[in-house]
Amino acid sequence: MKNPIAKYLMCAYAYYKQDDPLISDAEFDELAKWLLENYNQVDHPHKHLVTKSDLEAGTYLGEYPNMVIGAVKNYKKMQLNAN
């Protein structure tokens, strides 16, 4: 899986801060499960933001880097333009 930490943070931001999910709850739960199982092998500059406790709970209520916020905005903009 490419950039699972980025995907997790983007999806959490869209869900918890914008109330506009990028993926279904089931997909988010699967992503959290995958990350938890592969946590030690995942390398990402924002990994320190997502703890194993977050993944076990299937949530993230921490701070979101500006890069994540911008990525969600760009993703949604691309989705709008594609439709």
C-alpha atoms as a PDB file:
ATOM      1  CA  MET A   1       0.000   0.000   0.000  1.00  0.00           C
ATOM      2  CA  LYS A   2       1.406   3.363  -0.995  1.00  0.00           C
ATOM      3  CA  ASN A   3       1.445   6.075   1.704  1.00  0.00           C
ATOM      4  CA  PRO A   4      -0.970   4.457   4.193  1.00  0.00           C
ATOM      5  CA  ILE A   5      -0.198   7.014   6.907  1.00  0.00           C
ATOM      6  CA  ALA A   6      -1.013   9.883   4.541  1.00  0.00           C
ATOM      7  CA  LYS A   7      -4.236   8.138   3.508  1.00  0.00           C
ATOM      8  CA  TYR A   8      -5.184   7.537   7.141  1.00  0.00           C
ATOM      9  CA  LEU A   9      -4.589  11.157   8.103  1.00  0.00           C
ATOM     10  CA  MET A  10      -6.392  12.491   5.019  1.00  0.00           C
ATOM     11  CA  CYS A  11      -9.398  10.267   5.603  1.00  0.00           C
ATOM     12  CA  ALA A  12      -9.501  11.100   9.313  1.00  0.00           C
ATOM     13  CA  TYR A  13      -9.343  14.832   8.551  1.00  0.00           C
ATOM     14  CA  ALA A  14     -12.154  14.624   5.989  1.00  0.00           C
ATOM     15  CA  TYR A  15     -14.299  12.593   8.385  1.00  0.00           C
ATOM     16  CA  TYR A  16     -13.653  14.258  11.738  1.00  0.00           C
ATOM     17  CA  LYS A  17     -12.975  17.857  10.727  1.00  0.00           C
ATOM     18  CA  GLN A  18     -15.034  18.265   7.556  1.00  0.00           C
ATOM     19  CA  ASP A  19     -17.789  15.689   8.183  1.00  0.00           C
ATOM     20  CA  ASP A  20     -17.320  14.640   4.545  1.00  0.00           C
ATOM     21  CA  PRO A  21     -15.655  11.194   4.402  1.00  0.00           C
ATOM     22  CA  LEU A  22     -13.347  10.170   1.567  1.00  0.00           C
ATOM     23  CA  ILE A  23     -13.946   6.446   2.189  1.00  0.00           C
ATOM     24  CA  SER A  24     -16.558   4.321   3.970  1.00  0.00           C
ATOM     25  CA  ASP A  25     -16.312   3.500   7.669  1.00  0.00           C
ATOM     26  CA  ALA A  26     -15.560  -0.112   6.750  1.00  0.00           C
ATOM     27  CA  GLU A  27     -12.669   0.949   4.481  1.00  0.00           C
ATOM     28  CA  PHE A  28     -11.296   3.225   7.207  1.00  0.00           C
ATOM     29  CA  ASP A  29     -11.471   0.366   9.715  1.00  0.00           C
ATOM     30  CA  GLU A  30      -9.630  -1.915   7.278  1.00  0.00           C
ATOM     31  CA  LEU A  31      -6.962   0.748   6.752  1.00  0.00           C
ATOM     32  CA  ALA A  32      -6.515   1.106  10.521  1.00  0.00           C
ATOM     33  CA  LYS A  33      -6.265  -2.676  10.887  1.00  0.00           C
ATOM     34  CA  TRP A  34      -3.695  -2.921   8.085  1.00  0.00           C
ATOM     35  CA  LEU A  35      -1.612  -0.112   9.556  1.00  0.00           C
ATOM     36  CA  LEU A  36      -1.711  -1.662  13.008  1.00  0.00           C
ATOM     37  CA  GLU A  37      -0.560  -5.020  11.640  1.00  0.00           C
ATOM     38  CA  ASN A  38       2.219  -3.397   9.582  1.00  0.00           C
ATOM     39  CA  TYR A  39       3.071  -0.441  11.843  1.00  0.00           C
ATOM     40  CA  ASN A  40       6.724  -1.348  12.366  1.00  0.00           C
ATOM     41  CA  GLN A  41       7.341  -1.665   8.611  1.00  0.00           C
ATOM     42  CA  VAL A  42       5.645   1.603   7.641  1.00  0.00           C
ATOM     43  CA  ASP A  43       7.900   4.595   7.111  1.00  0.00           C
ATOM     44  CA  HIS A  44       6.421   8.065   6.734  1.00  0.00           C
ATOM     45  CA  PRO A  45       7.388  11.530   8.042  1.00  0.00           C
ATOM     46  CA  HIS A  46       4.033  11.856   9.862  1.00  0.00           C
ATOM     47  CA  LYS A  47       3.988   8.357  11.335  1.00  0.00           C
ATOM     48  CA  HIS A  48       4.733   9.763  14.789  1.00  0.00           C
ATOM     49  CA  LEU A  49       1.313  11.454  14.727  1.00  0.00           C
ATOM     50  CA  VAL A  50      -0.613   8.175  14.429  1.00  0.00           C
ATOM     51  CA  THR A  51      -0.173   5.925  17.440  1.00  0.00           C
ATOM     52  CA  LYS A  52      -1.028   2.270  17.788  1.00  0.00           C
ATOM     53  CA  SER A  53      -3.725   3.363  20.247  1.00  0.00           C
ATOM     54  CA  ASP A  54      -5.285   5.534  17.529  1.00  0.00           C
ATOM     55  CA  LEU A  55      -5.268   2.575  15.169  1.00  0.00           C
ATOM     56  CA  GLU A  56      -6.731   0.208  17.758  1.00  0.00           C
ATOM     57  CA  ALA A  57      -9.555   2.694  18.358  1.00  0.00           C
ATOM     58  CA  GLY A  58      -9.945   3.357  14.628  1.00  0.00           C
ATOM     59  CA  THR A  59      -9.773   7.085  15.170  1.00  0.00           C
ATOM     60  CA  TYR A  60      -7.484  10.090  15.049  1.00  0.00           C
ATOM     61  CA  LEU A  61      -8.173  13.256  16.987  1.00  0.00           C
ATOM     62  CA  GLY A  62      -4.723  14.826  16.918  1.00  0.00           C
ATOM     63  CA  GLU A  63      -3.275  17.713  14.982  1.00  0.00           C
ATOM     64  CA  TYR A  64      -3.294  17.627  11.198  1.00  0.00           C
ATOM     65  CA  PRO A  65      -0.261  18.913   9.296  1.00  0.00           C
ATOM     66  CA  ASN A  66      -0.962  21.610   6.700  1.00  0.00           C
ATOM     67  CA  MET A  67       0.247  19.150   4.072  1.00  0.00           C
ATOM     68  CA  VAL A  68      -2.634  16.786   4.956  1.00  0.00           C
ATOM     69  CA  ILE A  69      -5.213  19.575   4.943  1.00  0.00           C
ATOM     70  CA  GLY A  70      -3.999  20.769   1.540  1.00  0.00           C
ATOM     71  CA  ALA A  71      -3.964  17.228   0.158  1.00  0.00           C
ATOM     72  CA  VAL A  72      -7.605  16.702   1.163  1.00  0.00           C
ATOM     73  CA  LYS A  73      -8.562  20.006  -0.443  1.00  0.00           C
ATOM     74  CA  ASN A  74      -6.745  19.090  -3.674  1.00  0.00           C
ATOM     75  CA  TYR A  75      -8.208  15.582  -3.720  1.00  0.00           C
ATOM     76  CA  LYS A  76     -11.760  16.896  -3.361  1.00  0.00           C
ATOM     77  CA  LYS A  77     -11.118  19.519  -6.029  1.00  0.00           C
ATOM     78  CA  MET A  78      -9.897  16.808  -8.427  1.00  0.00           C
ATOM     79  CA  GLN A  79     -12.973  14.702  -7.636  1.00  0.00           C
ATOM     80  CA  LEU A  80     -15.254  17.634  -8.455  1.00  0.00           C
ATOM     81  CA  ASN A  81     -13.461  18.317 -11.719  1.00  0.00           C
ATOM     82  CA  ALA A  82     -13.678  14.639 -12.701  1.00  0.00           C
ATOM     83  CA  ASN A  83     -17.474  14.689 -12.369  1.00  0.00           C
END
